[in-house]
Amino acid sequence: MKHNRGVIIRFLLWLIGSLVLFFFIHTKLLSIYDYLPYDNLIVRSYWINALLAAVIFIVLFLFRYRLKNYIGFLFIAGSFIKFTLFFIIFYPVYRADGEMDTLEFAAFFVPYLISLLIETIFTAKMLKKLDDKTT
């Protein structure tokens, strides 16, 4: 059980650390180029992506033995949930003026991609360890 907490804590540290770093860079670049740094639901986007990535990975990790053969499908289902929430929460706001511009797109997809990358790396490591134990 102690090892389990260690993996989850490492994942959360990487996830939160990366998202905080990219949030700072993202908003700083917006400021440098004279855009509103906290516009386009950017704060909400980073929070929601962090929360969903954490929940998805923790659920996959906790059920990794019981659902070993379904981890890939569950991982994809997690991405589907993220996109569904994007279309429920963000898309209507972004399309309110009739179009979705690059800044609106980036406000959601930068944290989405960072979260996805970290989830993918940690899930792949988890699956490799599962394979090593069964081989």
N, C-alpha and C. Protein backbone atom coordinates (compact mmCIF):
# COMPACT_ATOMS: atom_id res chain seq x y z
N MET A 1 0.83 -1.21 0.00
CA MET A 1 0.00 0.00 0.00
C MET A 1 0.86 1.26 0.00
N LYS A 2 2.01 1.21 0.69
CA LYS A 2 2.89 2.37 0.74
C LYS A 2 3.41 2.72 -0.65
N HIS A 3 3.75 1.68 -1.44
CA HIS A 3 4.21 1.89 -2.82
C HIS A 3 3.11 2.54 -3.65
N ASN A 4 1.87 2.11 -3.41
CA ASN A 4 0.74 2.67 -4.16
C ASN A 4 0.64 4.18 -3.94
N ARG A 5 0.75 4.59 -2.69
CA ARG A 5 0.68 6.02 -2.39
C ARG A 5 1.83 6.77 -3.06
N GLY A 6 3.00 6.15 -3.09
CA GLY A 6 4.16 6.78 -3.71
C GLY A 6 3.96 7.06 -5.18
N VAL A 7 3.39 6.10 -5.90
CA VAL A 7 3.13 6.28 -7.33
C VAL A 7 2.10 7.40 -7.54
N ILE A 8 1.06 7.38 -6.76
CA ILE A 8 0.01 8.39 -6.89
C ILE A 8 0.57 9.78 -6.53
N ILE A 9 1.35 9.85 -5.48
CA ILE A 9 1.93 11.14 -5.08
C ILE A 9 2.88 11.66 -6.16
N ARG A 10 3.73 10.77 -6.72
CA ARG A 10 4.63 11.19 -7.81
C ARG A 10 3.84 11.70 -9.01
N PHE A 11 2.77 10.97 -9.35
CA PHE A 11 1.93 11.41 -10.45
C PHE A 11 1.36 12.80 -10.18
N LEU A 12 0.81 12.98 -8.98
CA LEU A 12 0.20 14.27 -8.65
C LEU A 12 1.23 15.40 -8.63
N LEU A 13 2.42 15.11 -8.14
CA LEU A 13 3.46 16.14 -8.13
C LEU A 13 3.86 16.53 -9.56
N TRP A 14 4.03 15.54 -10.42
CA TRP A 14 4.36 15.84 -11.82
C TRP A 14 3.22 16.60 -12.50
N LEU A 15 2.00 16.14 -12.27
CA LEU A 15 0.84 16.77 -12.89
C LEU A 15 0.69 18.22 -12.43
N ILE A 16 0.67 18.43 -11.14
CA ILE A 16 0.47 19.77 -10.60
C ILE A 16 1.66 20.67 -10.92
N GLY A 17 2.86 20.14 -10.74
CA GLY A 17 4.05 20.93 -11.06
C GLY A 17 4.10 21.37 -12.51
N SER A 18 3.80 20.44 -13.41
CA SER A 18 3.82 20.76 -14.84
C SER A 18 2.73 21.77 -15.20
N LEU A 19 1.54 21.55 -14.67
CA LEU A 19 0.45 22.47 -14.99
C LEU A 19 0.68 23.86 -14.42
N VAL A 20 1.23 23.94 -13.22
CA VAL A 20 1.55 25.26 -12.64
C VAL A 20 2.60 25.96 -13.50
N LEU A 21 3.64 25.23 -13.88
CA LEU A 21 4.69 25.81 -14.72
C LEU A 21 4.12 26.30 -16.05
N PHE A 22 3.35 25.46 -16.72
CA PHE A 22 2.80 25.86 -18.01
C PHE A 22 1.74 26.95 -17.88
N PHE A 23 1.00 26.94 -16.78
CA PHE A 23 0.04 28.02 -16.55
C PHE A 23 0.78 29.35 -16.44
N PHE A 24 1.86 29.35 -15.68
CA PHE A 24 2.66 30.57 -15.54
C PHE A 24 3.20 31.02 -16.91
N ILE A 25 3.77 30.10 -17.66
CA ILE A 25 4.31 30.43 -18.99
C ILE A 25 3.20 30.91 -19.92
N HIS A 26 2.08 30.18 -19.91
CA HIS A 26 0.95 30.50 -20.77
C HIS A 26 0.42 31.92 -20.50
N THR A 27 0.15 32.21 -19.23
CA THR A 27 -0.39 33.53 -18.89
C THR A 27 0.65 34.64 -19.08
N LYS A 28 1.91 34.32 -18.85
CA LYS A 28 2.98 35.31 -19.07
C LYS A 28 3.09 35.66 -20.55
N LEU A 29 3.03 34.66 -21.41
CA LEU A 29 3.07 34.92 -22.85
C LEU A 29 1.86 35.74 -23.30
N LEU A 30 0.70 35.44 -22.75
CA LEU A 30 -0.49 36.23 -23.08
C LEU A 30 -0.27 37.70 -22.69
N SER A 31 0.27 37.92 -21.51
CA SER A 31 0.55 39.29 -21.04
C SER A 31 1.57 39.99 -21.93
N ILE A 32 2.64 39.28 -22.28
CA ILE A 32 3.69 39.87 -23.11
C ILE A 32 3.12 40.34 -24.45
N TYR A 33 2.19 39.56 -25.00
CA TYR A 33 1.61 39.91 -26.29
C TYR A 33 0.32 40.73 -26.16
N ASP A 34 0.13 41.34 -25.00
CA ASP A 34 -0.98 42.26 -24.73
C ASP A 34 -2.37 41.64 -24.84
N TYR A 35 -2.47 40.38 -24.45
CA TYR A 35 -3.77 39.74 -24.33
C TYR A 35 -4.12 39.67 -22.85
N LEU A 36 -5.38 39.52 -22.55
CA LEU A 36 -5.79 39.35 -21.16
C LEU A 36 -5.34 37.97 -20.69
N PRO A 37 -4.49 37.90 -19.67
CA PRO A 37 -3.90 36.60 -19.29
C PRO A 37 -4.90 35.62 -18.67
N TYR A 38 -5.98 36.12 -18.08
CA TYR A 38 -6.92 35.23 -17.40
C TYR A 38 -8.27 35.18 -18.09
N ASP A 39 -8.26 35.43 -19.37
CA ASP A 39 -9.47 35.40 -20.18
C ASP A 39 -9.71 33.98 -20.70
N ASN A 40 -10.81 33.76 -21.34
CA ASN A 40 -11.13 32.50 -22.04
C ASN A 40 -11.20 31.29 -21.10
N LEU A 41 -11.61 31.52 -19.87
CA LEU A 41 -11.78 30.45 -18.88
C LEU A 41 -10.50 29.67 -18.64
N ILE A 42 -9.37 30.33 -18.78
CA ILE A 42 -8.08 29.64 -18.68
C ILE A 42 -7.86 29.02 -17.29
N VAL A 43 -8.22 29.73 -16.25
CA VAL A 43 -8.02 29.20 -14.90
C VAL A 43 -8.90 27.96 -14.70
N ARG A 44 -10.14 28.06 -15.10
CA ARG A 44 -11.08 26.93 -14.99
C ARG A 44 -10.57 25.74 -15.81
N SER A 45 -10.02 26.03 -16.97
CA SER A 45 -9.52 24.98 -17.84
C SER A 45 -8.37 24.21 -17.20
N TYR A 46 -7.43 24.93 -16.62
CA TYR A 46 -6.30 24.26 -15.96
C TYR A 46 -6.80 23.45 -14.76
N TRP A 47 -7.71 24.00 -13.98
CA TRP A 47 -8.24 23.28 -12.82
C TRP A 47 -8.98 22.01 -13.23
N ILE A 48 -9.87 22.14 -14.20
CA ILE A 48 -10.68 20.99 -14.62
C ILE A 48 -9.80 19.91 -15.23
N ASN A 49 -8.84 20.30 -16.07
CA ASN A 49 -7.94 19.30 -16.65
C ASN A 49 -7.12 18.61 -15.58
N ALA A 50 -6.65 19.36 -14.59
CA ALA A 50 -5.87 18.76 -13.50
C ALA A 50 -6.73 17.78 -12.70
N LEU A 51 -7.92 18.21 -12.35
CA LEU A 51 -8.81 17.37 -11.56
C LEU A 51 -9.17 16.09 -12.31
N LEU A 52 -9.55 16.21 -13.57
CA LEU A 52 -9.92 15.03 -14.34
C LEU A 52 -8.75 14.08 -14.55
N ALA A 53 -7.57 14.63 -14.85
CA ALA A 53 -6.39 13.78 -15.03
C ALA A 53 -6.08 13.03 -13.75
N ALA A 54 -6.17 13.72 -12.61
CA ALA A 54 -5.90 13.08 -11.32
C ALA A 54 -6.91 11.97 -11.05
N VAL A 55 -8.17 12.25 -11.23
CA VAL A 55 -9.21 11.25 -10.95
C VAL A 55 -9.05 10.05 -11.89
N ILE A 56 -8.85 10.31 -13.16
CA ILE A 56 -8.72 9.22 -14.13
C ILE A 56 -7.53 8.34 -13.80
N PHE A 57 -6.36 8.94 -13.56
CA PHE A 57 -5.19 8.12 -13.27
C PHE A 57 -5.36 7.35 -11.97
N ILE A 58 -5.86 7.99 -10.93
CA ILE A 58 -6.02 7.32 -9.65
C ILE A 58 -6.99 6.14 -9.77
N VAL A 59 -8.07 6.32 -10.49
CA VAL A 59 -9.02 5.22 -10.70
C VAL A 59 -8.35 4.09 -11.47
N LEU A 60 -7.64 4.41 -12.55
CA LEU A 60 -6.93 3.38 -13.31
C LEU A 60 -5.93 2.65 -12.42
N PHE A 61 -5.21 3.41 -11.62
CA PHE A 61 -4.19 2.82 -10.76
C PHE A 61 -4.80 1.92 -9.70
N LEU A 62 -5.86 2.36 -9.07
CA LEU A 62 -6.48 1.57 -8.01
C LEU A 62 -7.11 0.28 -8.54
N PHE A 63 -7.57 0.30 -9.77
CA PHE A 63 -8.22 -0.88 -10.34
C PHE A 63 -7.34 -1.60 -11.37
N ARG A 64 -6.04 -1.33 -11.34
CA ARG A 64 -5.13 -1.86 -12.36
C ARG A 64 -5.08 -3.38 -12.41
N TYR A 65 -5.19 -4.06 -11.29
CA TYR A 65 -5.14 -5.52 -11.29
C TYR A 65 -6.48 -6.12 -11.71
N ARG A 66 -7.52 -5.55 -11.17
CA ARG A 66 -8.86 -6.09 -11.43
C ARG A 66 -9.28 -5.85 -12.88
N LEU A 67 -8.87 -4.70 -13.45
CA LEU A 67 -9.31 -4.34 -14.81
C LEU A 67 -8.14 -4.25 -15.78
N LYS A 68 -7.11 -5.06 -15.55
CA LYS A 68 -5.88 -4.98 -16.34
C LYS A 68 -6.14 -5.00 -17.85
N ASN A 69 -7.03 -5.86 -18.30
CA ASN A 69 -7.30 -6.01 -19.73
C ASN A 69 -8.12 -4.86 -20.30
N TYR A 70 -8.62 -3.98 -19.45
CA TYR A 70 -9.49 -2.89 -19.90
C TYR A 70 -8.88 -1.51 -19.67
N ILE A 71 -7.65 -1.46 -19.19
CA ILE A 71 -7.02 -0.17 -18.86
C ILE A 71 -7.01 0.76 -20.08
N GLY A 72 -6.66 0.24 -21.23
CA GLY A 72 -6.63 1.07 -22.45
C GLY A 72 -7.98 1.66 -22.78
N PHE A 73 -9.01 0.84 -22.67
CA PHE A 73 -10.37 1.32 -22.94
C PHE A 73 -10.80 2.36 -21.91
N LEU A 74 -10.44 2.11 -20.66
CA LEU A 74 -10.79 3.07 -19.61
C LEU A 74 -10.02 4.39 -19.79
N PHE A 75 -8.79 4.29 -20.23
CA PHE A 75 -7.99 5.48 -20.50
C PHE A 75 -8.66 6.31 -21.61
N ILE A 76 -9.08 5.65 -22.67
CA ILE A 76 -9.77 6.33 -23.77
C ILE A 76 -11.10 6.90 -23.28
N ALA A 77 -11.80 6.17 -22.43
CA ALA A 77 -13.05 6.67 -21.86
C ALA A 77 -12.80 7.95 -21.06
N GLY A 78 -11.67 8.00 -20.36
CA GLY A 78 -11.32 9.22 -19.63
C GLY A 78 -11.15 10.40 -20.56
N SER A 79 -10.50 10.18 -21.70
CA SER A 79 -10.35 11.25 -22.69
C SER A 79 -11.71 11.66 -23.25
N PHE A 80 -12.58 10.70 -23.45
CA PHE A 80 -13.94 11.00 -23.92
C PHE A 80 -14.68 11.87 -22.91
N ILE A 81 -14.50 11.57 -21.63
CA ILE A 81 -15.14 12.38 -20.58
C ILE A 81 -14.61 13.81 -20.62
N LYS A 82 -13.30 13.95 -20.81
CA LYS A 82 -12.71 15.29 -20.89
C LYS A 82 -13.29 16.07 -22.07
N PHE A 83 -13.39 15.42 -23.22
CA PHE A 83 -13.95 16.12 -24.39
C PHE A 83 -15.43 16.44 -24.18
N THR A 84 -16.14 15.55 -23.54
CA THR A 84 -17.56 15.81 -23.26
C THR A 84 -17.69 17.06 -22.37
N LEU A 85 -16.87 17.13 -21.33
CA LEU A 85 -16.92 18.31 -20.47
C LEU A 85 -16.48 19.56 -21.21
N PHE A 86 -15.53 19.42 -22.14
CA PHE A 86 -15.15 20.57 -22.96
C PHE A 86 -16.37 21.10 -23.71
N PHE A 87 -17.13 20.21 -24.33
CA PHE A 87 -18.29 20.64 -25.11
C PHE A 87 -19.43 21.15 -24.24
N ILE A 88 -19.50 20.71 -23.01
CA ILE A 88 -20.54 21.20 -22.09
C ILE A 88 -20.15 22.53 -21.45
N ILE A 89 -18.90 22.63 -20.97
CA ILE A 89 -18.48 23.79 -20.17
C ILE A 89 -17.86 24.89 -21.02
N PHE A 90 -16.94 24.54 -21.89
CA PHE A 90 -16.12 25.54 -22.57
C PHE A 90 -16.65 25.93 -23.95
N TYR A 91 -17.05 24.97 -24.73
CA TYR A 91 -17.42 25.24 -26.12
C TYR A 91 -18.52 26.28 -26.26
N PRO A 92 -19.60 26.22 -25.47
CA PRO A 92 -20.64 27.26 -25.60
C PRO A 92 -20.11 28.68 -25.35
N VAL A 93 -19.21 28.81 -24.38
CA VAL A 93 -18.64 30.13 -24.08
C VAL A 93 -17.74 30.58 -25.22
N TYR A 94 -16.92 29.65 -25.72
CA TYR A 94 -15.99 29.98 -26.80
C TYR A 94 -16.73 30.31 -28.10
N ARG A 95 -17.85 29.68 -28.32
CA ARG A 95 -18.61 29.89 -29.57
C ARG A 95 -19.68 30.97 -29.44
N ALA A 96 -19.76 31.63 -28.31
CA ALA A 96 -20.80 32.63 -28.08
C ALA A 96 -20.75 33.76 -29.10
N ASP A 97 -19.55 34.09 -29.58
CA ASP A 97 -19.42 35.15 -30.58
C ASP A 97 -19.45 34.60 -32.01
N GLY A 98 -19.76 33.33 -32.17
CA GLY A 98 -19.87 32.74 -33.49
C GLY A 98 -18.62 32.03 -33.98
N GLU A 99 -17.52 32.17 -33.26
CA GLU A 99 -16.30 31.47 -33.67
C GLU A 99 -15.44 31.16 -32.45
N MET A 100 -14.54 30.22 -32.62
CA MET A 100 -13.60 29.89 -31.56
C MET A 100 -12.22 30.27 -32.08
N ASP A 101 -11.61 31.26 -31.42
CA ASP A 101 -10.30 31.73 -31.91
C ASP A 101 -9.16 30.92 -31.29
N THR A 102 -7.96 31.23 -31.72
CA THR A 102 -6.76 30.49 -31.29
C THR A 102 -6.53 30.59 -29.79
N LEU A 103 -6.78 31.75 -29.21
CA LEU A 103 -6.57 31.92 -27.76
C LEU A 103 -7.55 31.06 -26.96
N GLU A 104 -8.78 30.99 -27.42
CA GLU A 104 -9.77 30.15 -26.75
C GLU A 104 -9.38 28.68 -26.87
N PHE A 105 -8.97 28.29 -28.07
CA PHE A 105 -8.55 26.92 -28.31
C PHE A 105 -7.38 26.56 -27.40
N ALA A 106 -6.38 27.43 -27.34
CA ALA A 106 -5.18 27.18 -26.52
C ALA A 106 -5.51 27.14 -25.03
N ALA A 107 -6.47 27.95 -24.60
CA ALA A 107 -6.83 27.99 -23.18
C ALA A 107 -7.29 26.62 -22.68
N PHE A 108 -7.94 25.86 -23.54
CA PHE A 108 -8.36 24.52 -23.13
C PHE A 108 -7.32 23.46 -23.48
N PHE A 109 -6.79 23.52 -24.70
CA PHE A 109 -6.00 22.40 -25.18
C PHE A 109 -4.56 22.36 -24.69
N VAL A 110 -4.01 23.48 -24.26
CA VAL A 110 -2.66 23.43 -23.67
C VAL A 110 -2.69 22.60 -22.38
N PRO A 111 -3.56 22.91 -21.42
CA PRO A 111 -3.59 22.06 -20.22
C PRO A 111 -4.08 20.64 -20.51
N TYR A 112 -4.97 20.50 -21.49
CA TYR A 112 -5.43 19.16 -21.86
C TYR A 112 -4.26 18.31 -22.33
N LEU A 113 -3.43 18.85 -23.23
CA LEU A 113 -2.31 18.09 -23.77
C LEU A 113 -1.25 17.79 -22.72
N ILE A 114 -0.97 18.74 -21.85
CA ILE A 114 0.00 18.51 -20.77
C ILE A 114 -0.50 17.40 -19.86
N SER A 115 -1.75 17.48 -19.47
CA SER A 115 -2.34 16.44 -18.62
C SER A 115 -2.32 15.09 -19.31
N LEU A 116 -2.68 15.08 -20.58
CA LEU A 116 -2.71 13.83 -21.34
C LEU A 116 -1.32 13.20 -21.43
N LEU A 117 -0.32 14.01 -21.67
CA LEU A 117 1.05 13.52 -21.76
C LEU A 117 1.48 12.87 -20.44
N ILE A 118 1.22 13.53 -19.34
CA ILE A 118 1.61 13.00 -18.03
C ILE A 118 0.81 11.74 -17.70
N GLU A 119 -0.49 11.76 -17.98
CA GLU A 119 -1.32 10.57 -17.77
C GLU A 119 -0.79 9.39 -18.59
N THR A 120 -0.45 9.65 -19.84
CA THR A 120 0.02 8.61 -20.74
C THR A 120 1.32 8.00 -20.24
N ILE A 121 2.26 8.84 -19.85
CA ILE A 121 3.56 8.35 -19.35
C ILE A 121 3.36 7.49 -18.11
N PHE A 122 2.59 7.97 -17.16
CA PHE A 122 2.41 7.22 -15.92
C PHE A 122 1.57 5.96 -16.13
N THR A 123 0.60 6.01 -17.02
CA THR A 123 -0.20 4.82 -17.31
C THR A 123 0.65 3.77 -18.03
N ALA A 124 1.48 4.21 -18.95
CA ALA A 124 2.38 3.27 -19.65
C ALA A 124 3.33 2.60 -18.67
N LYS A 125 3.89 3.36 -17.74
CA LYS A 125 4.77 2.77 -16.72
C LYS A 125 4.01 1.76 -15.86
N MET A 126 2.80 2.12 -15.51
CA MET A 126 1.98 1.23 -14.70
C MET A 126 1.71 -0.08 -15.46
N LEU A 127 1.38 0.01 -16.72
CA LEU A 127 1.10 -1.19 -17.52
C LEU A 127 2.36 -2.03 -17.70
N LYS A 128 3.49 -1.37 -17.88
CA LYS A 128 4.76 -2.10 -18.02
C LYS A 128 5.04 -2.90 -16.75
N LYS A 129 4.82 -2.30 -15.60
CA LYS A 129 5.04 -3.01 -14.33
C LYS A 129 4.07 -4.18 -14.19
N LEU A 130 2.84 -3.99 -14.66
CA LEU A 130 1.88 -5.09 -14.63
C LEU A 130 2.34 -6.23 -15.52
N ASP A 131 2.85 -5.90 -16.70
CA ASP A 131 3.35 -6.91 -17.63
C ASP A 131 4.56 -7.62 -17.05
N ASP A 132 5.45 -6.87 -16.41
CA ASP A 132 6.66 -7.46 -15.82
C ASP A 132 6.30 -8.47 -14.72
N LYS A 133 5.22 -8.18 -13.98
CA LYS A 133 4.81 -9.06 -12.89
C LYS A 133 4.15 -10.34 -13.41
N THR A 134 3.53 -10.27 -14.58
CA THR A 134 2.84 -11.44 -15.12
C THR A 134 3.70 -12.27 -16.05
N THR A 135 4.87 -11.76 -16.42
CA THR A 135 5.73 -12.49 -17.34
C THR A 135 6.74 -13.33 -16.61
